[in-house]
Amino acid sequence: RAMVPNDIVLGCMLDALVCNGQIDEALDLFRRLKSRVPGNTVLWSTLIKGFATTHQAERAMDAWREMRSEGIKMNTVAYNAVVDAQARVGAMDAVSTLVETMAVDGCTPDTITYSTIVKGYCVKGDLDKAFEVFRGMQKNRMAGDSIIYNTILDGCTRHGRMDLADILLEDMEKLGVVPSNFTLGILVKMYGRRRQVHKALEVVKELPARHGFLPNAQVRTCLMCTCINNNALDTAFEVFEDVKKHSHSIDSKAYGAMISGCIRYGWLARAVALVDEAYGLNQQGGKGPPSRPDRKDSRGGQVLETETLEHLLRSLAQHGKMEDHGVPLLERLRAAKAPVSGRLFAYAMGGGNDTKWN
């Protein structure tokens, strides 16, 4: 009908494309309609958001330059989108340029701006600079919730700055900042990297009780992996049982992590038992699904990663246990019509010879 969308309709179209990862298509549509629907701050900001989420920092800068050259009025929201695109890749020189230009364009940095700058320095690994900006936020009462603390804690954990992490934890306690499950997950990872499993267990028990929330499945799974990585497999099993007890679903990744941990420490019979449990082969003669499964096959049982099962079969073969454990396991899986790749059966029938993989 030769209808031309207005800027609101075009904005919805661009947002739909961006949210589905079709950034180039969104930009092409924008440019095709630009002569009839002039660009504005909202339309450009949508495109820049797409560049940010796909880590195309330079294209976000190009969009910002084009906006300014066309005389489009900038605002803090638009600037925050461009700053975010740079911060995600640690391009802090570009961030500095943007912040300086905000003043020229009459825009004032807000809490989101400074939080994003902190994130950028964390990505870059410059935790001292991140902490400097953060202290400025605290001074100006712009760091009141756990989000900014989580950002820096995560950066400290990733880059091994446990000294700063300890200072942050003291600040949170002193200032009454309420932690979240995201905070808890970061702390579990941090204590795991410090080889302090007892503290990871302690924080999962005490912090939620103190602040009135329950650890979610992701935190418990993270704690389980921390135990595995710190040679505490018995404790990992205790946490695993806790995950099953408190979660509405059992993540197949949790099963995969436990199976891999058992393989690493030579607990092969236990690993086989976990596969049976994951696929529901130990209930009702192998016909019933496990309770509260998460990632399901057509029977309602778990679907484990092929690599996990390959790893287990390879270990069974290396220890001469394929005939007693590997082949019977695959037969149970096949009888239950579990979705298992043909090469696993070929590997088992080939006696564990890698040349049989195809």
Protein backbone atom coordinates (compact mmCIF):
# COMPACT_ATOMS: atom_id res chain seq x y z
CA ARG A 1 0.00 0.00 0.00
CA ALA A 2 3.07 2.23 -0.18
CA MET A 3 2.63 3.08 3.50
CA VAL A 4 5.57 4.65 5.27
CA PRO A 5 6.03 3.92 8.99
CA ASN A 6 6.41 6.80 11.38
CA ASP A 7 9.34 7.06 13.78
CA ILE A 8 7.50 5.11 16.51
CA VAL A 9 6.73 2.17 14.22
CA LEU A 10 10.24 2.23 12.79
CA GLY A 11 11.64 2.28 16.32
CA CYS A 12 9.65 -0.86 17.17
CA MET A 13 10.88 -2.55 13.99
CA LEU A 14 14.50 -1.67 14.73
CA ASP A 15 14.18 -2.84 18.31
CA ALA A 16 12.74 -6.18 17.19
CA LEU A 17 15.64 -6.73 14.79
CA VAL A 18 18.25 -5.68 17.34
CA CYS A 19 16.78 -7.89 20.06
CA ASN A 20 17.05 -10.85 17.67
CA GLY A 21 20.67 -10.14 16.80
CA GLN A 22 19.94 -8.82 13.30
CA ILE A 23 21.97 -5.64 13.62
CA ASP A 24 22.97 -5.30 9.97
CA GLU A 25 19.36 -5.76 8.88
CA ALA A 26 18.29 -3.08 11.35
CA LEU A 27 20.90 -0.65 10.05
CA ASP A 28 19.94 -1.39 6.43
CA LEU A 29 16.24 -0.74 7.19
CA PHE A 30 17.13 2.49 8.99
CA ARG A 31 19.16 3.78 6.07
CA ARG A 32 16.55 2.79 3.46
CA LEU A 33 13.85 4.75 5.29
CA LYS A 34 16.04 7.60 6.45
CA SER A 35 14.96 9.97 3.69
CA ARG A 36 11.31 9.53 4.70
CA VAL A 37 11.71 8.93 8.44
CA PRO A 38 14.46 11.22 9.74
CA GLY A 39 16.78 9.75 12.34
CA ASN A 40 16.33 10.82 15.93
CA THR A 41 17.95 10.07 19.27
CA VAL A 42 15.72 7.08 20.01
CA LEU A 43 16.31 5.38 16.65
CA TRP A 44 20.05 5.88 16.80
CA SER A 45 20.20 4.73 20.42
CA THR A 46 18.45 1.49 19.44
CA LEU A 47 21.08 0.81 16.80
CA ILE A 48 23.90 1.67 19.19
CA LYS A 49 22.42 -0.73 21.75
CA GLY A 50 22.69 -3.43 19.08
CA PHE A 51 26.32 -2.59 18.43
CA ALA A 52 26.98 -2.72 22.18
CA THR A 53 25.43 -6.15 22.72
CA THR A 54 27.41 -7.58 19.79
CA HIS A 55 30.68 -5.98 20.95
CA GLN A 56 31.00 -3.77 17.86
CA ALA A 57 32.48 -0.81 19.69
CA GLU A 58 33.88 1.02 16.68
CA ARG A 59 30.57 0.88 14.82
CA ALA A 60 28.92 2.39 17.89
CA MET A 61 31.46 5.23 17.78
CA ASP A 62 30.80 5.72 14.07
CA ALA A 63 27.07 5.99 14.80
CA TRP A 64 27.76 8.55 17.55
CA ARG A 65 29.91 10.63 15.17
CA GLU A 66 27.21 10.50 12.51
CA MET A 67 24.57 11.60 15.01
CA ARG A 68 26.59 14.63 16.00
CA SER A 69 27.48 15.51 12.40
CA GLU A 70 23.76 15.49 11.54
CA GLY A 71 22.99 17.80 14.43
CA ILE A 72 20.84 15.29 16.30
CA LYS A 73 20.40 16.40 19.89
CA MET A 74 22.23 14.08 22.24
CA ASN A 75 21.05 13.09 25.68
CA THR A 76 22.50 11.11 28.58
CA VAL A 77 20.64 7.93 27.58
CA ALA A 78 22.20 7.97 24.11
CA TYR A 79 25.64 8.67 25.55
CA ASN A 80 25.25 5.82 28.03
CA ALA A 81 24.56 3.45 25.14
CA VAL A 82 27.79 4.47 23.39
CA VAL A 83 29.77 4.35 26.63
CA ASP A 84 28.42 0.86 27.27
CA ALA A 85 29.58 -0.30 23.83
CA GLN A 86 33.11 0.83 24.63
CA ALA A 87 33.11 -0.42 28.22
CA ARG A 88 32.14 -3.94 27.14
CA VAL A 89 35.43 -4.25 25.26
CA GLY A 90 37.54 -2.24 27.69
CA ALA A 91 38.06 0.69 25.26
CA MET A 92 38.55 3.21 28.02
CA ASP A 93 40.30 5.88 25.92
CA ALA A 94 37.12 6.10 23.86
CA VAL A 95 35.08 6.26 27.07
CA SER A 96 37.17 9.22 28.26
CA THR A 97 36.53 11.01 24.96
CA LEU A 98 32.80 10.40 25.28
CA VAL A 99 32.60 11.67 28.85
CA GLU A 100 34.49 14.84 27.89
CA THR A 101 32.14 15.43 24.96
CA MET A 102 29.06 14.95 27.11
CA ALA A 103 29.75 18.30 28.76
CA VAL A 104 30.08 19.97 25.35
CA ASP A 105 26.69 18.56 24.35
CA GLY A 106 25.06 19.64 27.60
CA CYS A 107 24.66 16.11 28.97
CA THR A 108 25.39 15.19 32.58
CA PRO A 109 26.80 11.76 33.50
CA ASP A 110 24.48 9.85 35.81
CA THR A 111 24.72 6.75 37.98
CA ILE A 112 24.44 4.50 34.92
CA THR A 113 27.28 6.37 33.21
CA TYR A 114 29.66 5.93 36.14
CA SER A 115 28.61 2.33 36.76
CA THR A 116 29.35 1.57 33.12
CA ILE A 117 32.74 3.25 33.39
CA VAL A 118 33.54 1.07 36.39
CA LYS A 119 32.51 -1.99 34.38
CA GLY A 120 34.82 -0.93 31.56
CA TYR A 121 37.84 -0.65 33.83
CA CYS A 122 36.99 -4.07 35.29
CA VAL A 123 36.85 -5.55 31.78
CA LYS A 124 40.21 -3.97 31.00
CA GLY A 125 41.66 -5.31 34.24
CA ASP A 126 42.48 -1.89 35.68
CA LEU A 127 40.89 -2.49 39.08
CA ASP A 128 42.68 0.40 40.74
CA LYS A 129 41.08 2.83 38.31
CA ALA A 130 37.71 1.10 38.69
CA PHE A 131 38.02 1.49 42.45
CA GLU A 132 38.91 5.18 42.07
CA VAL A 133 35.74 5.85 40.06
CA PHE A 134 33.74 3.76 42.51
CA ARG A 135 35.02 5.78 45.48
CA GLY A 136 33.85 8.90 43.68
CA MET A 137 30.41 7.33 43.29
CA GLN A 138 30.33 6.53 46.99
CA LYS A 139 31.29 10.10 47.84
CA ASN A 140 28.41 11.40 45.72
CA ARG A 141 25.98 8.80 47.08
CA MET A 142 25.65 7.04 43.73
CA ALA A 143 26.56 3.54 44.96
CA GLY A 144 23.61 2.52 47.06
CA ASP A 145 22.73 -0.95 45.80
CA SER A 146 24.54 -4.21 45.24
CA ILE A 147 24.79 -3.92 41.43
CA ILE A 148 27.89 -1.73 41.35
CA TYR A 149 29.48 -3.76 44.15
CA ASN A 150 28.82 -6.94 42.16
CA THR A 151 30.51 -5.41 39.12
CA ILE A 152 33.72 -4.67 40.98
CA LEU A 153 33.66 -7.91 42.99
CA ASP A 154 33.38 -9.84 39.75
CA GLY A 155 36.27 -7.86 38.27
CA CYS A 156 38.39 -8.46 41.37
CA THR A 157 37.67 -12.19 41.19
CA ARG A 158 38.44 -12.46 37.48
CA HIS A 159 41.69 -10.53 37.78
CA GLY A 160 42.90 -11.86 41.12
CA ARG A 161 42.58 -8.63 43.11
CA MET A 162 41.46 -10.27 46.33
CA ASP A 163 42.82 -7.35 48.35
CA LEU A 164 40.24 -5.01 46.83
CA ALA A 165 37.54 -7.67 47.09
CA ASP A 166 38.05 -7.85 50.86
CA ILE A 167 37.75 -4.06 51.12
CA LEU A 168 34.49 -4.15 49.15
CA LEU A 169 33.04 -6.81 51.40
CA GLU A 170 33.87 -4.70 54.44
CA ASP A 171 32.19 -1.70 52.78
CA MET A 172 29.05 -3.69 52.01
CA GLU A 173 28.80 -4.87 55.59
CA LYS A 174 29.49 -1.43 57.06
CA LEU A 175 27.11 0.43 54.74
CA GLY A 176 24.33 -2.13 54.92
CA VAL A 177 24.34 -2.94 51.21
CA VAL A 178 21.98 -5.89 50.67
CA PRO A 179 23.60 -8.68 48.62
CA SER A 180 21.80 -10.76 46.00
CA ASN A 181 22.18 -14.25 44.61
CA PHE A 182 24.48 -12.72 42.00
CA THR A 183 26.68 -11.40 44.82
CA LEU A 184 26.63 -14.82 46.43
CA GLY A 185 27.70 -16.54 43.22
CA ILE A 186 30.64 -14.18 42.83
CA LEU A 187 31.74 -14.81 46.41
CA VAL A 188 31.60 -18.58 45.91
CA LYS A 189 33.82 -18.25 42.82
CA MET A 190 36.17 -15.94 44.68
CA TYR A 191 36.62 -18.28 47.63
CA GLY A 192 37.03 -21.18 45.24
CA ARG A 193 39.91 -19.44 43.48
CA ARG A 194 41.45 -18.72 46.87
CA ARG A 195 41.20 -22.42 47.76
CA GLN A 196 38.92 -21.57 50.68
CA VAL A 197 36.11 -24.08 50.26
CA HIS A 198 35.12 -23.73 53.90
CA LYS A 199 34.46 -20.03 53.38
CA ALA A 200 32.43 -20.71 50.22
CA LEU A 201 30.26 -23.14 52.18
CA GLU A 202 30.01 -20.71 55.06
CA VAL A 203 28.94 -17.73 52.95
CA VAL A 204 26.21 -19.74 51.19
CA LYS A 205 24.85 -20.76 54.58
CA GLU A 206 25.14 -17.45 56.43
CA LEU A 207 24.63 -14.63 53.93
CA PRO A 208 21.13 -15.64 52.73
CA ALA A 209 20.02 -16.32 56.29
CA ARG A 210 21.22 -12.90 57.37
CA HIS A 211 19.52 -11.03 54.53
CA GLY A 212 16.37 -13.08 54.06
CA PHE A 213 16.75 -14.81 50.72
CA LEU A 214 17.37 -18.35 49.50
CA PRO A 215 20.37 -19.42 47.41
CA ASN A 216 19.16 -20.21 43.91
CA ALA A 217 20.09 -23.25 41.81
CA GLN A 218 22.86 -21.34 40.03
CA VAL A 219 24.58 -20.52 43.31
CA ARG A 220 24.32 -24.10 44.54
CA THR A 221 25.67 -25.43 41.24
CA CYS A 222 28.54 -22.92 41.44
CA LEU A 223 29.28 -24.12 44.97
CA MET A 224 29.25 -27.71 43.77
CA CYS A 225 31.77 -26.91 41.01
CA THR A 226 33.93 -25.03 43.51
CA CYS A 227 34.08 -28.16 45.68
CA ILE A 228 35.00 -30.32 42.67
CA ASN A 229 37.77 -27.96 41.62
CA ASN A 230 39.18 -27.99 45.14
CA ASN A 231 39.41 -31.77 45.53
CA ALA A 232 36.33 -31.96 47.78
CA LEU A 233 34.21 -34.41 45.80
CA ASP A 234 32.40 -35.81 48.84
CA THR A 235 31.30 -32.29 49.73
CA ALA A 236 30.32 -31.68 46.11
CA PHE A 237 27.96 -34.65 46.32
CA GLU A 238 26.40 -33.21 49.47
CA VAL A 239 25.82 -29.92 47.65
CA PHE A 240 24.49 -31.79 44.62
CA GLU A 241 21.89 -33.52 46.76
CA ASP A 242 21.02 -30.11 48.19
CA VAL A 243 20.53 -28.77 44.65
CA LYS A 244 18.09 -31.55 43.89
CA LYS A 245 16.27 -31.00 47.16
CA HIS A 246 15.76 -27.26 46.82
CA SER A 247 15.41 -26.75 43.05
CA HIS A 248 12.31 -27.11 40.93
CA SER A 249 14.52 -28.47 38.17
CA ILE A 250 17.84 -30.27 37.95
CA ASP A 251 20.16 -28.65 35.44
CA SER A 252 21.79 -31.10 33.04
CA LYS A 253 24.95 -29.03 33.44
CA ALA A 254 24.95 -29.91 37.14
CA TYR A 255 24.86 -33.59 36.25
CA GLY A 256 27.59 -33.04 33.66
CA ALA A 257 29.80 -31.28 36.19
CA MET A 258 29.39 -34.07 38.73
CA ILE A 259 30.05 -36.78 36.15
CA SER A 260 33.18 -34.99 34.97
CA GLY A 261 34.32 -34.60 38.58
CA CYS A 262 33.85 -38.32 39.21
CA ILE A 263 35.85 -39.14 36.08
CA ARG A 264 38.64 -36.79 37.14
CA TYR A 265 39.01 -38.53 40.49
CA GLY A 266 38.49 -42.06 39.19
CA TRP A 267 35.02 -42.59 40.62
CA LEU A 268 33.84 -44.27 37.43
CA ALA A 269 31.11 -46.47 38.91
CA ARG A 270 29.65 -43.36 40.57
CA ALA A 271 29.80 -41.52 37.23
CA VAL A 272 27.87 -44.34 35.54
CA ALA A 273 25.27 -44.20 38.32
CA LEU A 274 24.86 -40.47 37.72
CA VAL A 275 24.20 -41.07 34.02
CA ASP A 276 21.54 -43.63 34.98
CA GLU A 277 20.01 -41.11 37.36
CA ALA A 278 20.11 -38.25 34.85
CA TYR A 279 18.28 -40.28 32.20
CA GLY A 280 15.87 -41.80 34.68
CA LEU A 281 17.21 -45.31 34.13
CA ASN A 282 17.21 -46.15 37.83
CA GLN A 283 13.47 -45.60 38.27
CA GLN A 284 10.71 -48.03 37.39
CA GLY A 285 12.99 -50.39 35.56
CA GLY A 286 14.56 -47.70 33.45
CA LYS A 287 11.26 -46.37 32.13
CA GLY A 288 10.54 -43.45 34.40
CA PRO A 289 12.04 -39.95 34.30
CA PRO A 290 13.99 -38.46 37.20
CA SER A 291 12.11 -36.19 39.51
CA ARG A 292 11.91 -32.53 38.43
CA PRO A 293 14.16 -32.75 35.34
CA ASP A 294 15.26 -29.61 33.56
CA ARG A 295 16.60 -30.20 30.06
CA LYS A 296 14.39 -33.07 28.85
CA ASP A 297 14.41 -35.60 26.06
CA SER A 298 11.21 -37.06 24.59
CA ARG A 299 10.84 -39.37 27.61
CA GLY A 300 11.17 -36.60 30.17
CA GLY A 301 14.74 -37.49 31.18
CA GLN A 302 17.92 -35.42 31.02
CA VAL A 303 19.91 -34.82 27.86
CA LEU A 304 23.60 -34.82 28.72
CA GLU A 305 26.25 -33.32 26.48
CA THR A 306 27.73 -35.87 24.08
CA GLU A 307 31.22 -34.85 25.18
CA THR A 308 30.40 -35.85 28.77
CA LEU A 309 29.38 -39.35 27.74
CA GLU A 310 32.36 -39.65 25.39
CA HIS A 311 34.68 -38.68 28.24
CA LEU A 312 33.12 -41.30 30.50
CA LEU A 313 33.33 -44.08 27.90
CA ARG A 314 36.93 -43.21 27.13
CA SER A 315 37.82 -43.41 30.82
CA LEU A 316 36.00 -46.71 31.22
CA ALA A 317 37.92 -48.11 28.25
CA GLN A 318 41.25 -46.87 29.60
CA HIS A 319 40.58 -48.62 32.90
CA GLY A 320 39.37 -51.84 31.29
CA LYS A 321 35.81 -51.35 32.47
CA MET A 322 34.02 -50.96 29.16
CA GLU A 323 32.57 -54.48 29.11
CA ASP A 324 31.35 -54.38 32.71
CA HIS A 325 30.10 -50.78 32.80
CA GLY A 326 30.25 -48.99 29.45
CA VAL A 327 28.41 -51.43 27.18
CA PRO A 328 25.64 -52.17 29.72
CA LEU A 329 25.13 -48.43 30.21
CA LEU A 330 24.69 -47.84 26.49
CA GLU A 331 22.32 -50.79 26.27
CA ARG A 332 20.20 -49.28 29.02
CA LEU A 333 20.19 -45.93 27.24
CA ARG A 334 19.17 -47.53 23.95
CA ALA A 335 16.44 -49.61 25.61
CA ALA A 336 15.03 -46.44 27.17
CA LYS A 337 15.19 -44.71 23.74
CA ALA A 338 17.39 -41.97 25.12
CA PRO A 339 18.84 -39.64 22.45
CA VAL A 340 22.44 -40.86 22.29
CA SER A 341 24.68 -40.39 19.25
CA GLY A 342 25.53 -43.39 17.09
CA ARG A 343 29.25 -42.87 17.48
CA LEU A 344 28.98 -43.66 21.19
CA PHE A 345 27.65 -47.11 20.31
CA ALA A 346 30.32 -47.47 17.62
CA TYR A 347 32.97 -46.60 20.19
CA ALA A 348 31.64 -49.15 22.67
CA MET A 349 31.35 -51.88 20.07
CA GLY A 350 34.88 -51.09 18.92
CA GLY A 351 36.23 -51.84 22.36
CA GLY A 352 37.19 -48.26 23.10
CA ASN A 353 39.44 -47.73 20.09
CA ASP A 354 39.42 -44.07 19.10
CA THR A 355 39.63 -45.05 15.43
CA LYS A 356 36.04 -46.27 15.69
CA TRP A 357 34.78 -42.72 16.25
CA ASN A 358 33.12 -41.37 13.13
